[in-house]
Amino acid sequence: MRLLIAVLLVAVAAYIGYRLYRRSRWKTLAPLLPARFNFGKRRDTFRRALDLLEARGGRFILETGVAREGLAKSKSDGASTIVFAAWAQQHHARVVSVDIDPASISAAQAAVAQLGLGEFVEFVTSDSVAYLAQCDRAVDLLYLDSFDYDRNDPAVQQASQAHHLAEFKAIEARLHANSIVLIDDCRIRGGGKGKLVIAYMLERGWRVELSRYQMLLVRD
C-alpha cells in the first residue's frame, strides 16, 4: 500500500510539474484575447507595443500585411490584425491593414468579422509602399509585416528587406515623436525583414525598445 501511495504521489507531482511547465511556455494576451490562444515568441512585443500605445494616447494603427489565418495561427503567424482590432475595440481606436493580395484581404476580413471586430478595421487592397506614400494621417503604431521572407533564399530575403525599408521611408513623414514601430520576423537567418529598416532607423534617432522575434522601436 505504501508503495502504491508513493507511486501515486510521484505521478501527481510529475503531472503538476508538467502543467506548470506548459503554463510557463503558454504566452497569452489575456484579457485582450482569450487565454487559450498562445502568441508564443510575439507575445512580449505585442504586449509592450500596446502598453506603450495606450500610455501615449495613440489611436491609429497602420499594418502592412494582413494576418490571413486568424487566431487559429496565433502562435505561428501572430494573428496581428485580430490583436490590433481587439485593442482598437477597447480603446476607441482605428486600424488600417494593407495587403496587395485580394485573397489574403478576404481571409483576414472573414476572421475579423467572425469575432465581431469588423467595424474597427479598414482593409485596403494595394501595394503597401504606394498606399503609405499617400497616407495623410499621423501614425501612432506602425506594424511592418508584408513582403514574405524566405529563410533559405537570399534573393527573397534581400527583396523583403528592401521592401520593408521602402515602406518605412514612404510613411516616415507621418511618424511623430510618440510613434511606435513594430517589425515582424526579425531574429531569423539572414537578418529577417527588419535588417535594413532597423539600421536606417537607428541612424535617425530611433532606438530598440524590445528585441525579440519581433523588434519594437521608439524614438529617443
N, C-alpha and C. Protein backbone atom coordinates (compact mmCIF):
# COMPACT_ATOMS: atom_id res chain seq x y z
N MET A 1 0.83 -1.21 0.00
CA MET A 1 0.00 0.00 0.00
C MET A 1 0.87 1.26 0.00
N ARG A 2 1.92 1.24 0.85
CA ARG A 2 2.80 2.41 0.90
C ARG A 2 3.47 2.65 -0.46
N LEU A 3 3.85 1.56 -1.09
CA LEU A 3 4.48 1.69 -2.41
C LEU A 3 3.50 2.29 -3.41
N LEU A 4 2.25 1.86 -3.37
CA LEU A 4 1.24 2.39 -4.28
C LEU A 4 1.02 3.87 -4.04
N ILE A 5 0.94 4.27 -2.76
CA ILE A 5 0.76 5.68 -2.43
C ILE A 5 1.94 6.51 -2.94
N ALA A 6 3.15 5.96 -2.74
CA ALA A 6 4.35 6.67 -3.19
C ALA A 6 4.34 6.86 -4.70
N VAL A 7 3.94 5.81 -5.42
CA VAL A 7 3.88 5.89 -6.88
C VAL A 7 2.85 6.93 -7.32
N LEU A 8 1.69 6.93 -6.64
CA LEU A 8 0.65 7.91 -6.97
C LEU A 8 1.12 9.33 -6.70
N LEU A 9 1.82 9.54 -5.59
CA LEU A 9 2.32 10.88 -5.27
C LEU A 9 3.33 11.35 -6.31
N VAL A 10 4.20 10.44 -6.74
CA VAL A 10 5.18 10.79 -7.77
C VAL A 10 4.47 11.16 -9.07
N ALA A 11 3.44 10.38 -9.41
CA ALA A 11 2.69 10.64 -10.64
C ALA A 11 1.99 11.99 -10.58
N VAL A 12 1.38 12.29 -9.42
CA VAL A 12 0.70 13.57 -9.26
C VAL A 12 1.69 14.72 -9.35
N ALA A 13 2.85 14.57 -8.69
CA ALA A 13 3.87 15.61 -8.72
C ALA A 13 4.37 15.83 -10.15
N ALA A 14 4.55 14.73 -10.89
CA ALA A 14 5.01 14.85 -12.27
C ALA A 14 3.98 15.57 -13.13
N TYR A 15 2.71 15.25 -12.92
CA TYR A 15 1.64 15.88 -13.69
C TYR A 15 1.57 17.38 -13.39
N ILE A 16 1.65 17.72 -12.10
CA ILE A 16 1.62 19.14 -11.73
C ILE A 16 2.81 19.88 -12.33
N GLY A 17 3.98 19.24 -12.27
CA GLY A 17 5.16 19.85 -12.85
C GLY A 17 5.03 20.07 -14.34
N TYR A 18 4.45 19.09 -15.01
CA TYR A 18 4.23 19.21 -16.45
C TYR A 18 3.28 20.34 -16.77
N ARG A 19 2.19 20.45 -16.00
CA ARG A 19 1.21 21.51 -16.23
C ARG A 19 1.82 22.89 -15.99
N LEU A 20 2.64 23.00 -14.94
CA LEU A 20 3.30 24.28 -14.66
C LEU A 20 4.28 24.64 -15.77
N TYR A 21 4.98 23.62 -16.28
CA TYR A 21 5.91 23.86 -17.38
C TYR A 21 5.17 24.34 -18.62
N ARG A 22 4.06 23.67 -18.95
CA ARG A 22 3.26 24.08 -20.10
C ARG A 22 2.73 25.50 -19.94
N ARG A 23 2.29 25.81 -18.72
CA ARG A 23 1.75 27.15 -18.48
C ARG A 23 2.82 28.21 -18.66
N SER A 24 4.06 27.89 -18.23
CA SER A 24 5.15 28.87 -18.35
C SER A 24 5.49 29.16 -19.80
N ARG A 25 5.20 28.22 -20.68
CA ARG A 25 5.51 28.39 -22.10
C ARG A 25 4.29 28.83 -22.92
N TRP A 26 3.18 28.99 -22.25
CA TRP A 26 1.94 29.40 -22.93
C TRP A 26 1.81 30.91 -22.82
N LYS A 27 2.06 31.61 -23.89
CA LYS A 27 2.16 33.07 -23.88
C LYS A 27 0.85 33.69 -24.37
N THR A 28 0.01 34.10 -23.46
CA THR A 28 -1.30 34.63 -23.83
C THR A 28 -1.30 36.16 -23.84
N LEU A 29 -2.32 36.70 -24.49
CA LEU A 29 -2.58 38.13 -24.44
C LEU A 29 -3.85 38.43 -23.65
N ALA A 30 -4.22 37.50 -22.78
CA ALA A 30 -5.39 37.73 -21.91
C ALA A 30 -5.11 38.93 -21.01
N PRO A 31 -6.11 39.75 -20.74
CA PRO A 31 -7.53 39.60 -21.07
C PRO A 31 -7.93 40.19 -22.43
N LEU A 32 -6.97 40.69 -23.20
CA LEU A 32 -7.32 41.26 -24.50
C LEU A 32 -7.99 40.21 -25.39
N LEU A 33 -7.41 39.01 -25.40
CA LEU A 33 -7.95 37.88 -26.15
C LEU A 33 -7.95 36.65 -25.25
N PRO A 34 -8.80 35.67 -25.50
CA PRO A 34 -8.91 34.51 -24.61
C PRO A 34 -7.58 33.82 -24.35
N ALA A 35 -7.40 33.34 -23.12
CA ALA A 35 -6.13 32.76 -22.70
C ALA A 35 -5.80 31.46 -23.42
N ARG A 36 -6.75 30.87 -24.09
CA ARG A 36 -6.46 29.61 -24.80
C ARG A 36 -5.61 29.82 -26.05
N PHE A 37 -5.43 31.07 -26.45
CA PHE A 37 -4.62 31.35 -27.64
C PHE A 37 -3.20 31.72 -27.23
N ASN A 38 -2.25 30.99 -27.81
CA ASN A 38 -0.84 31.14 -27.48
C ASN A 38 -0.16 32.01 -28.55
N PHE A 39 0.44 33.12 -28.13
CA PHE A 39 1.11 34.02 -29.07
C PHE A 39 2.63 33.83 -29.07
N GLY A 40 3.10 32.88 -28.30
CA GLY A 40 4.49 32.45 -28.37
C GLY A 40 5.51 33.57 -28.38
N LYS A 41 6.39 33.52 -29.38
CA LYS A 41 7.53 34.43 -29.45
C LYS A 41 7.14 35.88 -29.75
N ARG A 42 5.89 36.13 -30.08
CA ARG A 42 5.45 37.50 -30.35
C ARG A 42 4.73 38.15 -29.16
N ARG A 43 4.39 37.37 -28.16
CA ARG A 43 3.54 37.89 -27.09
C ARG A 43 4.14 39.10 -26.40
N ASP A 44 5.41 39.03 -26.01
CA ASP A 44 6.01 40.11 -25.22
C ASP A 44 6.07 41.42 -26.00
N THR A 45 6.40 41.34 -27.29
CA THR A 45 6.50 42.57 -28.08
C THR A 45 5.12 43.14 -28.40
N PHE A 46 4.15 42.26 -28.66
CA PHE A 46 2.78 42.75 -28.82
C PHE A 46 2.31 43.48 -27.57
N ARG A 47 2.51 42.85 -26.42
CA ARG A 47 2.02 43.44 -25.18
C ARG A 47 2.71 44.77 -24.89
N ARG A 48 4.02 44.80 -25.07
CA ARG A 48 4.76 46.04 -24.80
C ARG A 48 4.34 47.15 -25.76
N ALA A 49 4.17 46.81 -27.04
CA ALA A 49 3.76 47.82 -28.02
C ALA A 49 2.40 48.40 -27.67
N LEU A 50 1.46 47.56 -27.29
CA LEU A 50 0.12 48.03 -26.97
C LEU A 50 0.08 48.79 -25.65
N ASP A 51 0.90 48.38 -24.70
CA ASP A 51 1.00 49.14 -23.45
C ASP A 51 1.54 50.55 -23.72
N LEU A 52 2.57 50.64 -24.56
CA LEU A 52 3.12 51.94 -24.92
C LEU A 52 2.09 52.78 -25.67
N LEU A 53 1.37 52.13 -26.57
CA LEU A 53 0.36 52.85 -27.35
C LEU A 53 -0.69 53.46 -26.44
N GLU A 54 -1.13 52.70 -25.46
CA GLU A 54 -2.12 53.21 -24.51
C GLU A 54 -1.55 54.35 -23.68
N ALA A 55 -0.32 54.17 -23.18
CA ALA A 55 0.30 55.19 -22.34
C ALA A 55 0.50 56.50 -23.11
N ARG A 56 0.72 56.40 -24.40
CA ARG A 56 0.98 57.59 -25.22
C ARG A 56 -0.29 58.16 -25.86
N GLY A 57 -1.41 57.54 -25.58
CA GLY A 57 -2.67 58.05 -26.10
C GLY A 57 -2.87 57.82 -27.58
N GLY A 58 -2.18 56.82 -28.15
CA GLY A 58 -2.31 56.54 -29.57
C GLY A 58 -3.65 55.92 -29.91
N ARG A 59 -4.16 56.23 -31.10
CA ARG A 59 -5.46 55.71 -31.52
C ARG A 59 -5.48 55.25 -32.98
N PHE A 60 -4.33 55.30 -33.65
CA PHE A 60 -4.32 54.88 -35.06
C PHE A 60 -3.19 53.90 -35.31
N ILE A 61 -3.57 52.69 -35.75
CA ILE A 61 -2.62 51.62 -36.04
C ILE A 61 -2.64 51.37 -37.55
N LEU A 62 -1.46 51.34 -38.14
CA LEU A 62 -1.32 51.06 -39.57
C LEU A 62 -0.48 49.80 -39.74
N GLU A 63 -1.07 48.81 -40.39
CA GLU A 63 -0.43 47.50 -40.55
C GLU A 63 -0.22 47.20 -42.02
N THR A 64 0.98 46.72 -42.37
CA THR A 64 1.22 46.24 -43.73
C THR A 64 1.35 44.72 -43.69
N GLY A 65 0.51 44.06 -44.47
CA GLY A 65 0.47 42.60 -44.46
C GLY A 65 -0.56 42.09 -43.47
N VAL A 66 -1.70 41.65 -43.97
CA VAL A 66 -2.77 41.19 -43.09
C VAL A 66 -2.43 39.83 -42.50
N ALA A 67 -3.06 39.50 -41.37
CA ALA A 67 -2.96 38.16 -40.79
C ALA A 67 -4.07 37.31 -41.41
N ARG A 68 -3.69 36.37 -42.24
CA ARG A 68 -4.66 35.63 -43.05
C ARG A 68 -5.39 34.53 -42.29
N GLU A 69 -4.74 33.97 -41.28
CA GLU A 69 -5.24 32.74 -40.67
C GLU A 69 -6.04 32.95 -39.39
N GLY A 70 -6.15 34.18 -38.93
CA GLY A 70 -6.91 34.42 -37.71
C GLY A 70 -6.25 33.83 -36.48
N LEU A 71 -7.02 33.65 -35.43
CA LEU A 71 -6.47 33.17 -34.17
C LEU A 71 -6.02 31.72 -34.23
N ALA A 72 -6.45 30.98 -35.24
CA ALA A 72 -6.02 29.59 -35.37
C ALA A 72 -4.51 29.48 -35.51
N LYS A 73 -3.87 30.52 -36.02
CA LYS A 73 -2.41 30.52 -36.18
C LYS A 73 -1.77 31.60 -35.30
N SER A 74 -2.32 31.80 -34.12
CA SER A 74 -1.80 32.86 -33.25
C SER A 74 -0.33 32.66 -32.91
N LYS A 75 0.09 31.42 -32.72
CA LYS A 75 1.48 31.16 -32.35
C LYS A 75 2.42 31.24 -33.55
N SER A 76 2.02 30.68 -34.67
CA SER A 76 2.93 30.63 -35.82
C SER A 76 2.94 31.91 -36.64
N ASP A 77 1.78 32.55 -36.79
CA ASP A 77 1.68 33.75 -37.63
C ASP A 77 1.42 35.05 -36.87
N GLY A 78 0.97 34.94 -35.63
CA GLY A 78 0.81 36.13 -34.81
C GLY A 78 -0.59 36.71 -34.73
N ALA A 79 -1.43 36.46 -35.75
CA ALA A 79 -2.81 36.98 -35.74
C ALA A 79 -2.86 38.48 -35.47
N SER A 80 -1.93 39.21 -36.04
CA SER A 80 -1.77 40.63 -35.71
C SER A 80 -3.02 41.46 -35.98
N THR A 81 -3.69 41.20 -37.10
CA THR A 81 -4.86 42.01 -37.44
C THR A 81 -5.94 41.89 -36.36
N ILE A 82 -6.12 40.69 -35.84
CA ILE A 82 -7.11 40.48 -34.78
C ILE A 82 -6.63 41.10 -33.47
N VAL A 83 -5.35 40.97 -33.17
CA VAL A 83 -4.80 41.60 -31.96
C VAL A 83 -5.07 43.10 -31.98
N PHE A 84 -4.75 43.74 -33.09
CA PHE A 84 -4.93 45.19 -33.17
C PHE A 84 -6.41 45.58 -33.17
N ALA A 85 -7.23 44.78 -33.84
CA ALA A 85 -8.67 45.07 -33.86
C ALA A 85 -9.28 44.95 -32.47
N ALA A 86 -8.87 43.94 -31.72
CA ALA A 86 -9.38 43.76 -30.36
C ALA A 86 -8.97 44.93 -29.47
N TRP A 87 -7.73 45.39 -29.64
CA TRP A 87 -7.27 46.54 -28.86
C TRP A 87 -8.04 47.79 -29.28
N ALA A 88 -8.24 47.96 -30.57
CA ALA A 88 -8.98 49.13 -31.06
C ALA A 88 -10.40 49.16 -30.51
N GLN A 89 -11.03 48.01 -30.41
CA GLN A 89 -12.38 47.94 -29.86
C GLN A 89 -12.42 48.47 -28.43
N GLN A 90 -11.42 48.12 -27.65
CA GLN A 90 -11.39 48.51 -26.24
C GLN A 90 -10.94 49.94 -26.02
N HIS A 91 -10.31 50.55 -27.02
CA HIS A 91 -9.72 51.88 -26.83
C HIS A 91 -10.26 52.91 -27.81
N HIS A 92 -11.36 52.60 -28.46
CA HIS A 92 -11.97 53.54 -29.41
C HIS A 92 -10.94 54.00 -30.45
N ALA A 93 -10.21 53.03 -30.98
CA ALA A 93 -9.14 53.31 -31.93
C ALA A 93 -9.52 52.78 -33.31
N ARG A 94 -8.58 52.91 -34.24
CA ARG A 94 -8.83 52.53 -35.62
C ARG A 94 -7.60 51.82 -36.18
N VAL A 95 -7.85 50.78 -36.98
CA VAL A 95 -6.78 50.03 -37.63
C VAL A 95 -6.98 50.10 -39.14
N VAL A 96 -5.90 50.35 -39.85
CA VAL A 96 -5.90 50.20 -41.31
C VAL A 96 -4.90 49.10 -41.63
N SER A 97 -5.35 48.09 -42.37
CA SER A 97 -4.49 46.96 -42.73
C SER A 97 -4.39 46.87 -44.25
N VAL A 98 -3.17 46.92 -44.76
CA VAL A 98 -2.92 47.00 -46.20
C VAL A 98 -2.27 45.70 -46.69
N ASP A 99 -2.77 45.17 -47.79
CA ASP A 99 -2.18 43.97 -48.38
C ASP A 99 -2.44 44.00 -49.88
N ILE A 100 -1.48 43.52 -50.64
CA ILE A 100 -1.61 43.54 -52.10
C ILE A 100 -2.44 42.39 -52.63
N ASP A 101 -2.64 41.35 -51.82
CA ASP A 101 -3.31 40.13 -52.26
C ASP A 101 -4.79 40.13 -51.88
N PRO A 102 -5.70 40.17 -52.84
CA PRO A 102 -7.13 40.19 -52.53
C PRO A 102 -7.59 38.97 -51.73
N ALA A 103 -7.00 37.81 -52.00
CA ALA A 103 -7.39 36.60 -51.27
C ALA A 103 -7.02 36.72 -49.79
N SER A 104 -5.86 37.28 -49.52
CA SER A 104 -5.44 37.48 -48.13
C SER A 104 -6.35 38.48 -47.43
N ILE A 105 -6.71 39.53 -48.13
CA ILE A 105 -7.64 40.52 -47.57
C ILE A 105 -8.97 39.85 -47.22
N SER A 106 -9.50 39.05 -48.12
CA SER A 106 -10.78 38.39 -47.87
C SER A 106 -10.71 37.47 -46.67
N ALA A 107 -9.62 36.71 -46.55
CA ALA A 107 -9.47 35.80 -45.42
C ALA A 107 -9.37 36.56 -44.11
N ALA A 108 -8.63 37.65 -44.11
CA ALA A 108 -8.49 38.46 -42.89
C ALA A 108 -9.81 39.11 -42.52
N GLN A 109 -10.54 39.60 -43.51
CA GLN A 109 -11.85 40.20 -43.25
C GLN A 109 -12.79 39.20 -42.60
N ALA A 110 -12.79 37.98 -43.11
CA ALA A 110 -13.67 36.95 -42.56
C ALA A 110 -13.29 36.62 -41.12
N ALA A 111 -11.99 36.53 -40.84
CA ALA A 111 -11.54 36.20 -39.49
C ALA A 111 -11.91 37.30 -38.50
N VAL A 112 -11.76 38.54 -38.91
CA VAL A 112 -12.10 39.67 -38.04
C VAL A 112 -13.62 39.76 -37.84
N ALA A 113 -14.37 39.57 -38.91
CA ALA A 113 -15.83 39.65 -38.81
C ALA A 113 -16.39 38.56 -37.91
N GLN A 114 -15.77 37.39 -37.93
CA GLN A 114 -16.23 36.27 -37.11
C GLN A 114 -16.19 36.61 -35.62
N LEU A 115 -15.28 37.50 -35.25
CA LEU A 115 -15.14 37.91 -33.85
C LEU A 115 -15.89 39.21 -33.55
N GLY A 116 -16.62 39.71 -34.53
CA GLY A 116 -17.38 40.94 -34.32
C GLY A 116 -16.52 42.19 -34.25
N LEU A 117 -15.36 42.16 -34.93
CA LEU A 117 -14.42 43.27 -34.85
C LEU A 117 -14.30 44.04 -36.17
N GLY A 118 -15.15 43.72 -37.12
CA GLY A 118 -15.02 44.29 -38.45
C GLY A 118 -15.08 45.80 -38.51
N GLU A 119 -15.85 46.42 -37.63
CA GLU A 119 -16.02 47.88 -37.70
C GLU A 119 -14.77 48.64 -37.28
N PHE A 120 -13.80 47.94 -36.69
CA PHE A 120 -12.61 48.63 -36.19
C PHE A 120 -11.43 48.56 -37.16
N VAL A 121 -11.60 47.84 -38.26
CA VAL A 121 -10.51 47.66 -39.22
C VAL A 121 -10.96 48.07 -40.62
N GLU A 122 -10.15 48.89 -41.26
CA GLU A 122 -10.34 49.20 -42.67
C GLU A 122 -9.31 48.42 -43.46
N PHE A 123 -9.76 47.57 -44.37
CA PHE A 123 -8.86 46.79 -45.20
C PHE A 123 -8.66 47.49 -46.54
N VAL A 124 -7.40 47.54 -46.96
CA VAL A 124 -7.05 48.21 -48.21
C VAL A 124 -6.26 47.24 -49.08
N THR A 125 -6.76 46.98 -50.27
CA THR A 125 -6.04 46.14 -51.23
C THR A 125 -5.17 47.04 -52.09
N SER A 126 -3.87 46.99 -51.83
CA SER A 126 -2.95 47.91 -52.51
C SER A 126 -1.52 47.47 -52.28
N ASP A 127 -0.64 47.89 -53.16
CA ASP A 127 0.78 47.82 -52.85
C ASP A 127 1.03 48.68 -51.62
N SER A 128 1.71 48.13 -50.64
CA SER A 128 1.85 48.85 -49.37
C SER A 128 2.66 50.13 -49.50
N VAL A 129 3.73 50.11 -50.28
CA VAL A 129 4.55 51.31 -50.42
C VAL A 129 3.75 52.43 -51.06
N ALA A 130 2.98 52.09 -52.09
CA ALA A 130 2.15 53.11 -52.75
C ALA A 130 1.12 53.69 -51.79
N TYR A 131 0.50 52.83 -50.99
CA TYR A 131 -0.50 53.33 -50.04
C TYR A 131 0.14 54.21 -48.97
N LEU A 132 1.25 53.76 -48.43
CA LEU A 132 1.91 54.53 -47.36
C LEU A 132 2.35 55.90 -47.87
N ALA A 133 2.78 55.96 -49.11
CA ALA A 133 3.26 57.22 -49.67
C ALA A 133 2.16 58.27 -49.75
N GLN A 134 0.90 57.84 -49.89
CA GLN A 134 -0.19 58.81 -50.00
C GLN A 134 -1.00 58.94 -48.71
N CYS A 135 -0.61 58.23 -47.67
CA CYS A 135 -1.32 58.33 -46.39
C CYS A 135 -1.15 59.73 -45.81
N ASP A 136 -2.25 60.35 -45.41
CA ASP A 136 -2.19 61.72 -44.91
C ASP A 136 -2.52 61.82 -43.42
N ARG A 137 -2.41 60.70 -42.71
CA ARG A 137 -2.76 60.68 -41.30
C ARG A 137 -1.54 60.33 -40.45
N ALA A 138 -1.40 60.97 -39.30
CA ALA A 138 -0.31 60.65 -38.38
C ALA A 138 -0.49 59.23 -37.84
N VAL A 139 0.59 58.48 -37.81
CA VAL A 139 0.54 57.07 -37.42
C VAL A 139 1.08 56.91 -36.00
N ASP A 140 0.28 56.29 -35.15
CA ASP A 140 0.70 56.07 -33.76
C ASP A 140 1.45 54.75 -33.59
N LEU A 141 0.98 53.70 -34.26
CA LEU A 141 1.68 52.41 -34.25
C LEU A 141 1.76 51.91 -35.69
N LEU A 142 2.99 51.70 -36.14
CA LEU A 142 3.24 51.16 -37.48
C LEU A 142 3.73 49.73 -37.33
N TYR A 143 3.03 48.80 -37.99
CA TYR A 143 3.41 47.38 -37.93
C TYR A 143 3.79 46.93 -39.33
N LEU A 144 5.04 46.50 -39.50
CA LEU A 144 5.55 46.10 -40.80
C LEU A 144 5.68 44.58 -40.88
N ASP A 145 4.91 43.98 -41.79
CA ASP A 145 4.92 42.51 -41.92
C ASP A 145 4.33 42.13 -43.27
N SER A 146 4.89 42.67 -44.34
CA SER A 146 4.26 42.45 -45.64
C SER A 146 5.01 41.43 -46.49
N PHE A 147 6.00 41.85 -47.21
CA PHE A 147 6.70 41.01 -48.19
C PHE A 147 7.23 39.75 -47.50
N ASP A 148 6.71 38.58 -47.90
CA ASP A 148 7.08 37.32 -47.24
C ASP A 148 8.59 37.08 -47.33
N TYR A 149 9.13 36.52 -46.25
CA TYR A 149 10.56 36.29 -46.09
C TYR A 149 10.85 34.80 -46.20
N ASP A 150 11.93 34.44 -46.87
CA ASP A 150 12.31 33.04 -47.02
C ASP A 150 13.67 32.83 -46.36
N ARG A 151 13.70 32.01 -45.32
CA ARG A 151 14.95 31.78 -44.59
C ARG A 151 16.03 31.15 -45.46
N ASN A 152 15.64 30.50 -46.54
CA ASN A 152 16.59 29.72 -47.33
C ASN A 152 16.90 30.31 -48.70
N ASP A 153 16.36 31.47 -48.99
CA ASP A 153 16.56 32.08 -50.31
C ASP A 153 17.08 33.50 -50.14
N PRO A 154 18.40 33.71 -50.30
CA PRO A 154 18.98 35.03 -50.10
C PRO A 154 18.37 36.11 -50.99
N ALA A 155 17.98 35.77 -52.21
CA ALA A 155 17.39 36.77 -53.10
C ALA A 155 16.05 37.26 -52.56
N VAL A 156 15.24 36.35 -52.06
CA VAL A 156 13.96 36.74 -51.47
C VAL A 156 14.19 37.53 -50.19
N GLN A 157 15.17 37.13 -49.41
CA GLN A 157 15.50 37.86 -48.19
C GLN A 157 15.82 39.32 -48.50
N GLN A 158 16.68 39.53 -49.48
CA GLN A 158 17.09 40.89 -49.84
C GLN A 158 15.91 41.70 -50.36
N ALA A 159 15.06 41.07 -51.15
CA ALA A 159 13.89 41.78 -51.68
C ALA A 159 12.93 42.16 -50.56
N SER A 160 12.73 41.26 -49.61
CA SER A 160 11.86 41.54 -48.47
C SER A 160 12.43 42.68 -47.62
N GLN A 161 13.71 42.62 -47.36
CA GLN A 161 14.35 43.67 -46.55
C GLN A 161 14.27 45.02 -47.24
N ALA A 162 14.51 45.05 -48.54
CA ALA A 162 14.42 46.31 -49.28
C ALA A 162 13.00 46.85 -49.28
N HIS A 163 12.03 45.95 -49.38
CA HIS A 163 10.63 46.38 -49.39
C HIS A 163 10.23 47.00 -48.06
N HIS A 164 10.64 46.40 -46.96
CA HIS A 164 10.28 46.95 -45.65
C HIS A 164 10.96 48.30 -45.40
N LEU A 165 12.17 48.46 -45.90
CA LEU A 165 12.81 49.77 -45.82
C LEU A 165 12.04 50.80 -46.65
N ALA A 166 11.62 50.41 -47.84
CA ALA A 166 10.84 51.32 -48.69
C ALA A 166 9.52 51.70 -48.02
N GLU A 167 8.89 50.76 -47.34
CA GLU A 167 7.66 51.06 -46.62
C GLU A 167 7.90 52.14 -45.57
N PHE A 168 8.94 51.95 -44.79
CA PHE A 168 9.21 52.92 -43.72
C PHE A 168 9.49 54.31 -44.30
N LYS A 169 10.30 54.37 -45.34
CA LYS A 169 10.61 55.66 -45.94
C LYS A 169 9.35 56.33 -46.49
N ALA A 170 8.43 55.53 -47.01
CA ALA A 170 7.21 56.08 -47.59
C ALA A 170 6.31 56.73 -46.54
N ILE A 171 6.34 56.22 -45.31
CA ILE A 171 5.45 56.73 -44.26
C ILE A 171 6.20 57.56 -43.22
N GLU A 172 7.49 57.68 -43.37
CA GLU A 172 8.33 58.32 -42.35
C GLU A 172 7.83 59.70 -41.95
N ALA A 173 7.37 60.47 -42.91
CA ALA A 173 6.92 61.84 -42.62
C ALA A 173 5.67 61.86 -41.75
N ARG A 174 4.95 60.75 -41.67
CA ARG A 174 3.72 60.68 -40.87
C ARG A 174 3.95 60.10 -39.48
N LEU A 175 5.20 59.83 -39.14
CA LEU A 175 5.53 59.35 -37.81
C LEU A 175 5.92 60.54 -36.94
N HIS A 176 5.48 60.52 -35.70
CA HIS A 176 5.71 61.65 -34.79
C HIS A 176 6.56 61.22 -33.60
N ALA A 177 6.77 62.12 -32.67
CA ALA A 177 7.69 61.86 -31.55
C ALA A 177 7.27 60.66 -30.71
N ASN A 178 5.97 60.39 -30.63
CA ASN A 178 5.48 59.28 -29.81
C ASN A 178 5.10 58.05 -30.63
N SER A 179 5.43 58.04 -31.90
CA SER A 179 5.10 56.88 -32.73
C SER A 179 5.89 55.65 -32.28
N ILE A 180 5.28 54.50 -32.53
CA ILE A 180 5.86 53.21 -32.18
C ILE A 180 5.94 52.39 -33.47
N VAL A 181 7.05 51.70 -33.67
CA VAL A 181 7.21 50.85 -34.85
C VAL A 181 7.51 49.42 -34.40
N LEU A 182 6.74 48.48 -34.90
CA LEU A 182 6.92 47.06 -34.59
C LEU A 182 7.12 46.32 -35.91
N ILE A 183 8.19 45.53 -35.97
CA ILE A 183 8.55 44.82 -37.20
C ILE A 183 8.58 43.33 -36.92
N ASP A 184 7.89 42.56 -37.74
CA ASP A 184 7.80 41.11 -37.53
C ASP A 184 8.96 40.37 -38.19
N ASP A 185 9.16 39.13 -37.77
CA ASP A 185 10.11 38.21 -38.42
C ASP A 185 11.51 38.80 -38.52
N CYS A 186 12.08 39.18 -37.39
CA CYS A 186 13.39 39.85 -37.41
C CYS A 186 14.55 38.94 -37.00
N ARG A 187 14.42 38.25 -35.91
CA ARG A 187 15.56 37.48 -35.41
C ARG A 187 15.57 36.08 -36.03
N ILE A 188 15.86 36.06 -37.32
CA ILE A 188 15.93 34.81 -38.07
C ILE A 188 17.09 34.89 -39.06
N ARG A 189 17.39 33.76 -39.67
CA ARG A 189 18.52 33.65 -40.59
C ARG A 189 18.48 34.73 -41.67
N GLY A 190 19.62 35.35 -41.89
CA GLY A 190 19.72 36.38 -42.92
C GLY A 190 19.37 37.77 -42.45
N GLY A 191 19.00 37.90 -41.17
CA GLY A 191 18.70 39.22 -40.62
C GLY A 191 17.24 39.57 -40.55
N GLY A 192 16.38 38.77 -41.18
CA GLY A 192 14.94 39.00 -41.09
C GLY A 192 14.46 40.22 -41.86
N LYS A 193 13.18 40.46 -41.76
CA LYS A 193 12.55 41.55 -42.51
C LYS A 193 13.08 42.93 -42.12
N GLY A 194 13.52 43.07 -40.88
CA GLY A 194 13.89 44.38 -40.39
C GLY A 194 15.35 44.77 -40.56
N LYS A 195 16.15 43.95 -41.20
CA LYS A 195 17.60 44.19 -41.25
C LYS A 195 17.94 45.60 -41.74
N LEU A 196 17.42 45.99 -42.86
CA LEU A 196 17.77 47.29 -43.44
C LEU A 196 17.04 48.44 -42.76
N VAL A 197 15.76 48.25 -42.49
CA VAL A 197 14.98 49.35 -41.93
C VAL A 197 15.42 49.67 -40.50
N ILE A 198 15.80 48.68 -39.73
CA ILE A 198 16.27 48.95 -38.37
C ILE A 198 17.56 49.74 -38.40
N ALA A 199 18.50 49.36 -39.27
CA ALA A 199 19.75 50.12 -39.40
C ALA A 199 19.46 51.56 -39.79
N TYR A 200 18.54 51.75 -40.71
CA TYR A 200 18.15 53.09 -41.16
C TYR A 200 17.56 53.89 -40.00
N MET A 201 16.69 53.27 -39.23
CA MET A 201 16.03 53.96 -38.12
C MET A 201 17.02 54.34 -37.02
N LEU A 202 17.94 53.44 -36.72
CA LEU A 202 18.90 53.72 -35.65
C LEU A 202 19.78 54.92 -35.99
N GLU A 203 20.00 55.15 -37.27
CA GLU A 203 20.79 56.31 -37.69
C GLU A 203 20.00 57.61 -37.60
N ARG A 204 18.71 57.50 -37.35
CA ARG A 204 17.84 58.68 -37.35
C ARG A 204 17.11 58.90 -36.03
N GLY A 205 17.73 58.48 -34.96
CA GLY A 205 17.21 58.83 -33.64
C GLY A 205 16.25 57.84 -33.02
N TRP A 206 16.02 56.71 -33.68
CA TRP A 206 15.18 55.68 -33.08
C TRP A 206 16.05 54.76 -32.23
N ARG A 207 15.41 54.05 -31.32
CA ARG A 207 16.14 53.06 -30.52
C ARG A 207 15.28 51.82 -30.36
N VAL A 208 15.95 50.71 -30.08
CA VAL A 208 15.25 49.45 -29.87
C VAL A 208 14.71 49.42 -28.44
N GLU A 209 13.40 49.35 -28.32
CA GLU A 209 12.74 49.26 -27.02
C GLU A 209 12.71 47.82 -26.53
N LEU A 210 12.49 46.89 -27.44
CA LEU A 210 12.44 45.47 -27.07
C LEU A 210 12.84 44.64 -28.28
N SER A 211 13.80 43.74 -28.06
CA SER A 211 14.31 42.89 -29.13
C SER A 211 13.94 41.44 -28.85
N ARG A 212 13.05 40.93 -29.66
CA ARG A 212 12.65 39.53 -29.57
C ARG A 212 12.58 39.00 -31.02
N TYR A 213 11.69 38.08 -31.29
CA TYR A 213 11.47 37.65 -32.67
C TYR A 213 11.00 38.85 -33.50
N GLN A 214 10.19 39.68 -32.88
CA GLN A 214 9.83 40.98 -33.44
C GLN A 214 10.75 42.03 -32.83
N MET A 215 10.88 43.16 -33.52
CA MET A 215 11.66 44.28 -32.98
C MET A 215 10.73 45.47 -32.78
N LEU A 216 10.81 46.04 -31.60
CA LEU A 216 9.98 47.19 -31.23
C LEU A 216 10.89 48.40 -31.09
N LEU A 217 10.58 49.46 -31.83
CA LEU A 217 11.41 50.66 -31.82
C LEU A 217 10.60 51.90 -31.49
N VAL A 218 11.23 52.81 -30.76
CA VAL A 218 10.65 54.10 -30.42
C VAL A 218 11.72 55.16 -30.61
N ARG A 219 11.31 56.41 -30.54
CA ARG A 219 12.29 57.50 -30.64
C ARG A 219 12.93 57.76 -29.29
N ASP A 220 14.16 58.25 -29.32
CA ASP A 220 14.84 58.66 -28.08
C ASP A 220 14.14 59.86 -27.48
